[in-house]
Amino acid sequence: MTVSIVGIGLLGGSFALAIREKYPKIRFVGVDTSTVNGQLALAKGIVDEVLPLDEAVAQSTLVVMATPVNIIIDLLPKVLDLLPPGATVVDLGSTKELICGIADAHSKRAQFVAAHPMAGTENSGPSAAFKELLPGKNLIICDREKSNPDSLTLTESLFRDAGMKLFYMTPQEHDLHLAYVSHLSHISAFALGLTVLEKEKDEQAIFDMASTGFSSTVRLAKSSPQMWAPIFDQNRINVSDALSAYIEFLQQFKQVIDDQDVKTSLDFMQRANVIRRVLDGIEKR
């Protein structure tokens, strides 16, 4: 079995490492526009060979598209054109409605599986990949009824073997939910980073005073802009709605602080503390 990883970064590389651990005889081929990434992926044992896209797809049983979502949009029709009979292509993009729409228009739609592993770190590139990234995390598969049984079964089996828990929803549901639980948190981190850097021109003072709380809150601001800008654009309607709701609460919080309304401030925080129950439930699943 030959698996091609298109975009040898954190997610694609971690998938390859996790599956290689389970099935050492699977051959992994890397495809990447960066020569450095290709060399790093070879040195780290993520892939066995690096090839141009057309050569890799032509010999693949499975093609995993792990590039930024704007590149998935551009490459998906070409990959489907090149895909051999009986082979499967799966994308790992963080948006789904636009990608699924592109796939729906192709004659080989049944050989495509739309998937999103809910896993990641603030780091990027093949050097950031590690085999423990996926186990215990959730995988969302969209429009599974549009994928042929063999392609769906292969995708489900490999991600289960990587230790992931599978969930199913429509692309529209995916993009709506992700706007709130993922995309908004990244925007918040980017905005917080900009706010602090703008206010605190003396960077050393930030480093000296930064606590673990600040570091954990702003950590996502280290994420790749090349990956996240296309995500915000492709999911802009849902992200804008999420931001509007968030900004409204920020404005309310500002007002109660300006008014020295400690009672309402306490009430806001106590209501927000309910998130502890939600997060505890997620960790126990």
C-alpha atoms as a PDB file:
ATOM      1  CA  MET A   1       0.000   0.000   0.000  1.00  0.00           C
ATOM      2  CA  THR A   2       1.308   3.439  -0.938  1.00  0.00           C
ATOM      3  CA  VAL A   3       0.143   6.571   0.866  1.00  0.00           C
ATOM      4  CA  SER A   4       1.029  10.011  -0.480  1.00  0.00           C
ATOM      5  CA  ILE A   5       1.117  12.970   1.892  1.00  0.00           C
ATOM      6  CA  VAL A   6       0.532  16.233   0.032  1.00  0.00           C
ATOM      7  CA  GLY A   7       1.866  18.919   2.361  1.00  0.00           C
ATOM      8  CA  ILE A   8       4.353  17.350   4.763  1.00  0.00           C
ATOM      9  CA  GLY A   9       3.660  19.432   7.848  1.00  0.00           C
ATOM     10  CA  LEU A  10       2.461  18.934  11.413  1.00  0.00           C
ATOM     11  CA  LEU A  11      -0.795  17.161  10.583  1.00  0.00           C
ATOM     12  CA  GLY A  12       0.217  15.153   7.538  1.00  0.00           C
ATOM     13  CA  GLY A  13       3.524  14.218   9.120  1.00  0.00           C
ATOM     14  CA  SER A  14       1.941  13.175  12.408  1.00  0.00           C
ATOM     15  CA  PHE A  15      -0.589  11.033  10.539  1.00  0.00           C
ATOM     16  CA  ALA A  16       2.225   9.280   8.658  1.00  0.00           C
ATOM     17  CA  LEU A  17       4.225   8.673  11.831  1.00  0.00           C
ATOM     18  CA  ALA A  18       1.195   7.282  13.686  1.00  0.00           C
ATOM     19  CA  ILE A  19       0.262   4.921  10.840  1.00  0.00           C
ATOM     20  CA  ARG A  20       3.872   3.885  10.251  1.00  0.00           C
ATOM     21  CA  GLU A  21       4.024   2.852  13.900  1.00  0.00           C
ATOM     22  CA  LYS A  22       1.040   0.548  13.307  1.00  0.00           C
ATOM     23  CA  TYR A  23       1.868  -0.601   9.764  1.00  0.00           C
ATOM     24  CA  PRO A  24       5.624  -0.382   9.133  1.00  0.00           C
ATOM     25  CA  LYS A  25       5.291  -1.910   5.649  1.00  0.00           C
ATOM     26  CA  ILE A  26       3.158   0.929   4.254  1.00  0.00           C
ATOM     27  CA  ARG A  27       5.161   3.067   1.844  1.00  0.00           C
ATOM     28  CA  PHE A  28       4.830   6.829   2.321  1.00  0.00           C
ATOM     29  CA  VAL A  29       5.508   9.303  -0.470  1.00  0.00           C
ATOM     30  CA  GLY A  30       5.804  13.011   0.261  1.00  0.00           C
ATOM     31  CA  VAL A  31       4.740  15.899  -1.950  1.00  0.00           C
ATOM     32  CA  ASP A  32       5.787  19.407  -0.961  1.00  0.00           C
ATOM     33  CA  THR A  33       6.705  22.630  -2.741  1.00  0.00           C
ATOM     34  CA  SER A  34       9.437  23.182  -0.135  1.00  0.00           C
ATOM     35  CA  THR A  35      12.645  21.244  -0.786  1.00  0.00           C
ATOM     36  CA  VAL A  36      13.641  21.809   2.835  1.00  0.00           C
ATOM     37  CA  ASN A  37      10.384  20.268   4.072  1.00  0.00           C
ATOM     38  CA  GLY A  38      10.962  17.269   1.843  1.00  0.00           C
ATOM     39  CA  GLN A  39      14.471  16.792   3.166  1.00  0.00           C
ATOM     40  CA  LEU A  40      13.308  17.136   6.772  1.00  0.00           C
ATOM     41  CA  ALA A  41      10.496  14.634   6.212  1.00  0.00           C
ATOM     42  CA  LEU A  42      12.943  12.113   4.759  1.00  0.00           C
ATOM     43  CA  ALA A  43      15.430  12.629   7.579  1.00  0.00           C
ATOM     44  CA  LYS A  44      12.731  12.240  10.220  1.00  0.00           C
ATOM     45  CA  GLY A  45      11.358   9.056   8.630  1.00  0.00           C
ATOM     46  CA  ILE A  46       7.968  10.574   7.856  1.00  0.00           C
ATOM     47  CA  VAL A  47       8.182   9.572   4.184  1.00  0.00           C
ATOM     48  CA  ASP A  48      10.266   7.111   2.199  1.00  0.00           C
ATOM     49  CA  GLU A  49      10.465   9.239  -0.926  1.00  0.00           C
ATOM     50  CA  VAL A  50       9.560  12.712  -2.175  1.00  0.00           C
ATOM     51  CA  LEU A  51       8.017  12.991  -5.636  1.00  0.00           C
ATOM     52  CA  PRO A  52       6.166  15.525  -7.812  1.00  0.00           C
ATOM     53  CA  LEU A  53       2.393  15.523  -7.336  1.00  0.00           C
ATOM     54  CA  ASP A  54       1.469  13.700 -10.555  1.00  0.00           C
ATOM     55  CA  GLU A  55       4.000  10.898 -10.000  1.00  0.00           C
ATOM     56  CA  ALA A  56       2.949  10.437  -6.382  1.00  0.00           C
ATOM     57  CA  VAL A  57      -0.797  10.350  -7.040  1.00  0.00           C
ATOM     58  CA  ALA A  58      -0.430   7.935  -9.968  1.00  0.00           C
ATOM     59  CA  GLN A  59       1.015   5.229  -7.702  1.00  0.00           C
ATOM     60  CA  SER A  60      -1.068   5.881  -4.584  1.00  0.00           C
ATOM     61  CA  THR A  61      -3.682   3.794  -2.836  1.00  0.00           C
ATOM     62  CA  LEU A  62      -4.442   6.785  -0.630  1.00  0.00           C
ATOM     63  CA  VAL A  63      -3.680  10.477  -1.101  1.00  0.00           C
ATOM     64  CA  VAL A  64      -3.799  12.624   2.044  1.00  0.00           C
ATOM     65  CA  MET A  65      -4.147  16.348   1.384  1.00  0.00           C
ATOM     66  CA  ALA A  66      -2.683  18.187   4.373  1.00  0.00           C
ATOM     67  CA  THR A  67      -1.917  21.598   2.901  1.00  0.00           C
ATOM     68  CA  PRO A  68      -3.529  24.923   3.878  1.00  0.00           C
ATOM     69  CA  VAL A  69      -7.177  24.972   2.795  1.00  0.00           C
ATOM     70  CA  ASN A  70      -6.665  27.438  -0.054  1.00  0.00           C
ATOM     71  CA  ILE A  71      -4.163  25.041  -1.633  1.00  0.00           C
ATOM     72  CA  ILE A  72      -6.563  22.115  -1.117  1.00  0.00           C
ATOM     73  CA  ILE A  73      -9.149  24.085  -3.100  1.00  0.00           C
ATOM     74  CA  ASP A  74      -6.666  24.628  -5.928  1.00  0.00           C
ATOM     75  CA  LEU A  75      -5.236  21.096  -6.017  1.00  0.00           C
ATOM     76  CA  LEU A  76      -8.248  18.886  -5.304  1.00  0.00           C
ATOM     77  CA  PRO A  77      -9.649  18.816  -8.866  1.00  0.00           C
ATOM     78  CA  LYS A  78      -6.198  17.970 -10.259  1.00  0.00           C
ATOM     79  CA  VAL A  79      -5.637  15.236  -7.668  1.00  0.00           C
ATOM     80  CA  LEU A  80      -9.022  13.714  -8.481  1.00  0.00           C
ATOM     81  CA  ASP A  81      -8.205  13.894 -12.197  1.00  0.00           C
ATOM     82  CA  LEU A  82      -4.956  11.973 -11.585  1.00  0.00           C
ATOM     83  CA  LEU A  83      -6.395   9.528  -9.047  1.00  0.00           C
ATOM     84  CA  PRO A  84      -6.208   5.866 -10.187  1.00  0.00           C
ATOM     85  CA  PRO A  85      -9.365   3.722 -10.159  1.00  0.00           C
ATOM     86  CA  GLY A  86      -9.949   2.263  -6.703  1.00  0.00           C
ATOM     87  CA  ALA A  87      -7.728   4.825  -4.963  1.00  0.00           C
ATOM     88  CA  THR A  88      -8.895   7.321  -2.347  1.00  0.00           C
ATOM     89  CA  VAL A  89      -8.163  10.964  -1.604  1.00  0.00           C
ATOM     90  CA  VAL A  90      -8.865  12.436   1.823  1.00  0.00           C
ATOM     91  CA  ASP A  91      -8.416  16.067   2.822  1.00  0.00           C
ATOM     92  CA  LEU A  92      -7.552  17.178   6.351  1.00  0.00           C
ATOM     93  CA  GLY A  93      -8.708  20.776   6.015  1.00  0.00           C
ATOM     94  CA  SER A  94     -10.118  22.858   8.869  1.00  0.00           C
ATOM     95  CA  THR A  95     -12.989  24.104   6.697  1.00  0.00           C
ATOM     96  CA  LYS A  96     -15.332  21.808   4.842  1.00  0.00           C
ATOM     97  CA  GLU A  97     -18.218  23.457   2.979  1.00  0.00           C
ATOM     98  CA  LEU A  98     -16.168  24.964   0.146  1.00  0.00           C
ATOM     99  CA  ILE A  99     -13.896  21.930  -0.164  1.00  0.00           C
ATOM    100  CA  CYS A 100     -16.862  19.550  -0.296  1.00  0.00           C
ATOM    101  CA  GLY A 101     -18.485  21.745  -2.916  1.00  0.00           C
ATOM    102  CA  ILE A 102     -15.390  21.443  -5.121  1.00  0.00           C
ATOM    103  CA  ALA A 103     -15.416  17.659  -4.687  1.00  0.00           C
ATOM    104  CA  ASP A 104     -19.150  17.414  -5.412  1.00  0.00           C
ATOM    105  CA  ALA A 105     -18.585  18.892  -8.861  1.00  0.00           C
ATOM    106  CA  HIS A 106     -16.077  16.194  -9.846  1.00  0.00           C
ATOM    107  CA  SER A 107     -16.921  12.895 -11.540  1.00  0.00           C
ATOM    108  CA  LYS A 108     -14.718  11.020  -9.029  1.00  0.00           C
ATOM    109  CA  ARG A 109     -16.513  12.437  -5.960  1.00  0.00           C
ATOM    110  CA  ALA A 110     -17.104   8.942  -4.582  1.00  0.00           C
ATOM    111  CA  GLN A 111     -13.339   8.412  -4.234  1.00  0.00           C
ATOM    112  CA  PHE A 112     -13.069  11.465  -1.946  1.00  0.00           C
ATOM    113  CA  VAL A 113     -13.487  11.563   1.841  1.00  0.00           C
ATOM    114  CA  ALA A 114     -13.786  14.889   3.668  1.00  0.00           C
ATOM    115  CA  ALA A 115     -12.100  14.628   7.068  1.00  0.00           C
ATOM    116  CA  HIS A 116     -10.839  16.953   9.764  1.00  0.00           C
ATOM    117  CA  PRO A 117      -8.640  15.672  12.602  1.00  0.00           C
ATOM    118  CA  MET A 118      -9.290  17.885  15.613  1.00  0.00           C
ATOM    119  CA  ALA A 119      -5.652  17.943  16.615  1.00  0.00           C
ATOM    120  CA  GLY A 120      -2.796  20.368  16.324  1.00  0.00           C
ATOM    121  CA  THR A 121      -0.264  22.571  18.042  1.00  0.00           C
ATOM    122  CA  GLU A 122       0.956  26.104  17.466  1.00  0.00           C
ATOM    123  CA  ASN A 123       3.961  24.702  15.586  1.00  0.00           C
ATOM    124  CA  SER A 124       4.173  23.832  11.902  1.00  0.00           C
ATOM    125  CA  GLY A 125       6.293  21.953   9.391  1.00  0.00           C
ATOM    126  CA  PRO A 126       7.615  18.386   9.366  1.00  0.00           C
ATOM    127  CA  SER A 127       9.941  19.062  12.293  1.00  0.00           C
ATOM    128  CA  ALA A 128       6.834  19.676  14.453  1.00  0.00           C
ATOM    129  CA  ALA A 129       5.228  16.319  13.565  1.00  0.00           C
ATOM    130  CA  PHE A 130       5.031  13.608  16.221  1.00  0.00           C
ATOM    131  CA  LYS A 131       3.272  10.260  16.363  1.00  0.00           C
ATOM    132  CA  GLU A 132       1.364  11.062  19.574  1.00  0.00           C
ATOM    133  CA  LEU A 133      -0.552  14.010  18.086  1.00  0.00           C
ATOM    134  CA  LEU A 134      -3.631  12.091  16.896  1.00  0.00           C
ATOM    135  CA  PRO A 135      -4.341   9.354  19.491  1.00  0.00           C
ATOM    136  CA  GLY A 136      -7.306  10.234  21.702  1.00  0.00           C
ATOM    137  CA  LYS A 137      -8.415  13.128  19.487  1.00  0.00           C
ATOM    138  CA  ASN A 138     -11.597  13.457  17.421  1.00  0.00           C
ATOM    139  CA  LEU A 139     -11.901  13.029  13.669  1.00  0.00           C
ATOM    140  CA  ILE A 140     -14.866  14.635  11.906  1.00  0.00           C
ATOM    141  CA  ILE A 141     -15.985  13.100   8.604  1.00  0.00           C
ATOM    142  CA  CYS A 142     -18.408  15.089   6.453  1.00  0.00           C
ATOM    143  CA  ASP A 143     -20.827  13.850   3.793  1.00  0.00           C
ATOM    144  CA  ARG A 144     -19.866  10.225   4.363  1.00  0.00           C
ATOM    145  CA  GLU A 145     -22.845   9.064   2.299  1.00  0.00           C
ATOM    146  CA  LYS A 146     -21.206  10.603  -0.795  1.00  0.00           C
ATOM    147  CA  SER A 147     -18.036   8.509  -0.446  1.00  0.00           C
ATOM    148  CA  ASN A 148     -17.943   4.961  -1.777  1.00  0.00           C
ATOM    149  CA  PRO A 149     -17.853   2.253   0.911  1.00  0.00           C
ATOM    150  CA  ASP A 150     -14.252   1.206   0.180  1.00  0.00           C
ATOM    151  CA  SER A 151     -12.881   4.743   0.422  1.00  0.00           C
ATOM    152  CA  LEU A 152     -14.868   5.462   3.579  1.00  0.00           C
ATOM    153  CA  THR A 153     -13.842   2.186   5.229  1.00  0.00           C
ATOM    154  CA  LEU A 154     -10.157   2.737   4.426  1.00  0.00           C
ATOM    155  CA  THR A 155     -10.225   6.243   5.871  1.00  0.00           C
ATOM    156  CA  GLU A 156     -12.139   5.206   8.985  1.00  0.00           C
ATOM    157  CA  SER A 157      -9.882   2.209   9.597  1.00  0.00           C
ATOM    158  CA  LEU A 158      -6.626   4.150   9.310  1.00  0.00           C
ATOM    159  CA  PHE A 159      -7.720   6.970  11.576  1.00  0.00           C
ATOM    160  CA  ARG A 160      -9.113   4.533  14.129  1.00  0.00           C
ATOM    161  CA  ASP A 161      -5.791   2.710  13.981  1.00  0.00           C
ATOM    162  CA  ALA A 162      -4.132   6.067  14.661  1.00  0.00           C
ATOM    163  CA  GLY A 163      -6.187   6.179  17.885  1.00  0.00           C
ATOM    164  CA  MET A 164      -8.815   8.723  16.853  1.00  0.00           C
ATOM    165  CA  LYS A 165     -12.526   8.847  17.732  1.00  0.00           C
ATOM    166  CA  LEU A 166     -14.828   9.323  14.758  1.00  0.00           C
ATOM    167  CA  PHE A 167     -17.763  11.721  14.431  1.00  0.00           C
ATOM    168  CA  TYR A 168     -19.977  12.563  11.453  1.00  0.00           C
ATOM    169  CA  MET A 169     -21.706  15.779  10.380  1.00  0.00           C
ATOM    170  CA  THR A 170     -22.540  17.908   7.377  1.00  0.00           C
ATOM    171  CA  PRO A 171     -19.983  20.407   6.039  1.00  0.00           C
ATOM    172  CA  GLN A 172     -22.271  23.238   7.128  1.00  0.00           C
ATOM    173  CA  GLU A 173     -22.492  21.925  10.695  1.00  0.00           C
ATOM    174  CA  HIS A 174     -18.724  21.441  10.774  1.00  0.00           C
ATOM    175  CA  ASP A 175     -17.924  24.993   9.692  1.00  0.00           C
ATOM    176  CA  LEU A 176     -20.466  26.522  12.070  1.00  0.00           C
ATOM    177  CA  HIS A 177     -19.229  24.613  15.114  1.00  0.00           C
ATOM    178  CA  LEU A 178     -15.541  25.101  14.273  1.00  0.00           C
ATOM    179  CA  ALA A 179     -16.035  28.861  14.002  1.00  0.00           C
ATOM    180  CA  TYR A 180     -16.819  28.912  17.727  1.00  0.00           C
ATOM    181  CA  VAL A 181     -14.620  26.158  19.189  1.00  0.00           C
ATOM    182  CA  SER A 182     -11.501  26.621  17.063  1.00  0.00           C
ATOM    183  CA  HIS A 183     -11.406  29.556  14.694  1.00  0.00           C
ATOM    184  CA  LEU A 184     -12.569  32.134  17.259  1.00  0.00           C
ATOM    185  CA  SER A 185      -9.956  31.028  19.804  1.00  0.00           C
ATOM    186  CA  HIS A 186      -7.184  31.527  17.260  1.00  0.00           C
ATOM    187  CA  ILE A 187      -8.449  35.009  16.350  1.00  0.00           C
ATOM    188  CA  SER A 188      -8.608  35.851  20.060  1.00  0.00           C
ATOM    189  CA  ALA A 189      -4.998  34.755  20.515  1.00  0.00           C
ATOM    190  CA  PHE A 190      -3.804  36.746  17.500  1.00  0.00           C
ATOM    191  CA  ALA A 191      -5.692  39.822  18.735  1.00  0.00           C
ATOM    192  CA  LEU A 192      -4.335  39.450  22.274  1.00  0.00           C
ATOM    193  CA  GLY A 193      -0.795  39.114  20.942  1.00  0.00           C
ATOM    194  CA  LEU A 194      -1.199  42.264  18.842  1.00  0.00           C
ATOM    195  CA  THR A 195      -2.741  44.163  21.771  1.00  0.00           C
ATOM    196  CA  VAL A 196       0.101  43.331  24.140  1.00  0.00           C
ATOM    197  CA  LEU A 197       2.846  43.961  21.589  1.00  0.00           C
ATOM    198  CA  GLU A 198       1.299  47.304  20.643  1.00  0.00           C
ATOM    199  CA  LYS A 199       0.941  48.424  24.260  1.00  0.00           C
ATOM    200  CA  GLU A 200       4.191  46.988  25.599  1.00  0.00           C
ATOM    201  CA  LYS A 201       6.872  48.288  23.271  1.00  0.00           C
ATOM    202  CA  ASP A 202       9.540  47.027  25.681  1.00  0.00           C
ATOM    203  CA  GLU A 203       9.464  43.316  24.792  1.00  0.00           C
ATOM    204  CA  GLN A 204      11.785  42.389  27.644  1.00  0.00           C
ATOM    205  CA  ALA A 205       9.187  43.657  30.112  1.00  0.00           C
ATOM    206  CA  ILE A 206       6.647  41.276  28.564  1.00  0.00           C
ATOM    207  CA  PHE A 207       9.014  38.339  28.946  1.00  0.00           C
ATOM    208  CA  ASP A 208       9.862  39.279  32.529  1.00  0.00           C
ATOM    209  CA  MET A 209       6.241  39.613  33.623  1.00  0.00           C
ATOM    210  CA  ALA A 210       4.540  36.957  31.505  1.00  0.00           C
ATOM    211  CA  SER A 211       2.986  34.193  33.589  1.00  0.00           C
ATOM    212  CA  THR A 212       1.996  30.720  32.547  1.00  0.00           C
ATOM    213  CA  GLY A 213      -1.571  32.029  32.228  1.00  0.00           C
ATOM    214  CA  PHE A 214      -0.550  34.605  29.655  1.00  0.00           C
ATOM    215  CA  SER A 215       1.616  32.115  27.781  1.00  0.00           C
ATOM    216  CA  SER A 216      -1.150  29.509  27.548  1.00  0.00           C
ATOM    217  CA  THR A 217      -3.726  32.113  26.476  1.00  0.00           C
ATOM    218  CA  VAL A 218      -1.604  33.669  23.737  1.00  0.00           C
ATOM    219  CA  ARG A 219       0.090  30.419  22.645  1.00  0.00           C
ATOM    220  CA  LEU A 220      -2.096  30.063  19.554  1.00  0.00           C
ATOM    221  CA  ALA A 221      -0.800  33.400  18.243  1.00  0.00           C
ATOM    222  CA  LYS A 222       2.334  31.476  17.246  1.00  0.00           C
ATOM    223  CA  SER A 223       0.261  29.485  14.730  1.00  0.00           C
ATOM    224  CA  SER A 224       1.005  29.695  11.010  1.00  0.00           C
ATOM    225  CA  PRO A 225      -0.605  32.757   9.341  1.00  0.00           C
ATOM    226  CA  GLN A 226      -0.335  30.958   5.984  1.00  0.00           C
ATOM    227  CA  MET A 227      -2.620  28.257   7.345  1.00  0.00           C
ATOM    228  CA  TRP A 228      -5.075  30.397   9.297  1.00  0.00           C
ATOM    229  CA  ALA A 229      -5.723  33.334   6.956  1.00  0.00           C
ATOM    230  CA  PRO A 230      -7.365  31.049   4.337  1.00  0.00           C
ATOM    231  CA  ILE A 231      -9.396  29.311   7.064  1.00  0.00           C
ATOM    232  CA  PHE A 232     -10.821  32.633   8.272  1.00  0.00           C
ATOM    233  CA  ASP A 233     -11.573  33.607   4.676  1.00  0.00           C
ATOM    234  CA  GLN A 234     -13.287  30.358   3.686  1.00  0.00           C
ATOM    235  CA  ASN A 235     -15.396  30.330   6.858  1.00  0.00           C
ATOM    236  CA  ARG A 236     -15.847  34.101   7.013  1.00  0.00           C
ATOM    237  CA  ILE A 237     -19.631  34.191   7.517  1.00  0.00           C
ATOM    238  CA  ASN A 238     -19.572  31.861  10.536  1.00  0.00           C
ATOM    239  CA  VAL A 239     -16.392  33.441  11.887  1.00  0.00           C
ATOM    240  CA  SER A 240     -17.901  36.924  11.574  1.00  0.00           C
ATOM    241  CA  ASP A 241     -21.018  35.826  13.488  1.00  0.00           C
ATOM    242  CA  ALA A 242     -18.857  34.264  16.203  1.00  0.00           C
ATOM    243  CA  LEU A 243     -16.758  37.417  16.443  1.00  0.00           C
ATOM    244  CA  SER A 244     -19.871  39.593  16.754  1.00  0.00           C
ATOM    245  CA  ALA A 245     -21.098  37.536  19.701  1.00  0.00           C
ATOM    246  CA  TYR A 246     -17.636  37.584  21.291  1.00  0.00           C
ATOM    247  CA  ILE A 247     -17.220  41.337  20.819  1.00  0.00           C
ATOM    248  CA  GLU A 248     -20.617  41.912  22.418  1.00  0.00           C
ATOM    249  CA  PHE A 249     -19.531  40.064  25.558  1.00  0.00           C
ATOM    250  CA  LEU A 250     -16.213  41.950  25.599  1.00  0.00           C
ATOM    251  CA  GLN A 251     -18.106  45.232  25.412  1.00  0.00           C
ATOM    252  CA  GLN A 252     -20.396  44.144  28.249  1.00  0.00           C
ATOM    253  CA  PHE A 253     -17.385  43.144  30.327  1.00  0.00           C
ATOM    254  CA  LYS A 254     -15.748  46.511  29.662  1.00  0.00           C
ATOM    255  CA  GLN A 255     -18.904  48.314  30.709  1.00  0.00           C
ATOM    256  CA  VAL A 256     -19.245  46.522  34.059  1.00  0.00           C
ATOM    257  CA  ILE A 257     -15.575  47.239  34.795  1.00  0.00           C
ATOM    258  CA  ASP A 258     -15.994  50.912  33.854  1.00  0.00           C
ATOM    259  CA  ASP A 259     -19.085  51.030  36.104  1.00  0.00           C
ATOM    260  CA  GLN A 260     -17.255  49.263  38.965  1.00  0.00           C
ATOM    261  CA  ASP A 261     -20.126  46.794  38.934  1.00  0.00           C
ATOM    262  CA  VAL A 262     -18.399  44.001  40.811  1.00  0.00           C
ATOM    263  CA  LYS A 263     -21.622  42.044  41.293  1.00  0.00           C
ATOM    264  CA  THR A 264     -22.250  41.761  37.536  1.00  0.00           C
ATOM    265  CA  SER A 265     -18.578  41.052  36.908  1.00  0.00           C
ATOM    266  CA  LEU A 266     -18.752  38.145  39.339  1.00  0.00           C
ATOM    267  CA  ASP A 267     -21.936  36.923  37.684  1.00  0.00           C
ATOM    268  CA  PHE A 268     -20.273  36.960  34.243  1.00  0.00           C
ATOM    269  CA  MET A 269     -17.353  34.904  35.487  1.00  0.00           C
ATOM    270  CA  GLN A 270     -19.502  32.454  37.417  1.00  0.00           C
ATOM    271  CA  ARG A 271     -21.583  31.845  34.294  1.00  0.00           C
ATOM    272  CA  ALA A 272     -18.400  31.353  32.290  1.00  0.00           C
ATOM    273  CA  ASN A 273     -17.144  28.856  34.880  1.00  0.00           C
ATOM    274  CA  VAL A 274     -19.742  26.416  33.570  1.00  0.00           C
ATOM    275  CA  ILE A 275     -17.223  25.768  30.787  1.00  0.00           C
ATOM    276  CA  ARG A 276     -15.280  23.730  33.364  1.00  0.00           C
ATOM    277  CA  ARG A 277     -18.030  21.084  33.306  1.00  0.00           C
ATOM    278  CA  VAL A 278     -17.965  21.010  29.504  1.00  0.00           C
ATOM    279  CA  LEU A 279     -14.178  20.679  29.340  1.00  0.00           C
ATOM    280  CA  ASP A 280     -14.130  18.018  32.068  1.00  0.00           C
ATOM    281  CA  GLY A 281     -16.682  16.054  30.076  1.00  0.00           C
ATOM    282  CA  ILE A 282     -14.550  16.288  26.924  1.00  0.00           C
ATOM    283  CA  GLU A 283     -11.467  15.034  28.771  1.00  0.00           C
ATOM    284  CA  LYS A 284     -13.378  12.041  30.145  1.00  0.00           C
ATOM    285  CA  ARG A 285     -14.730  10.887  26.755  1.00  0.00           C
END
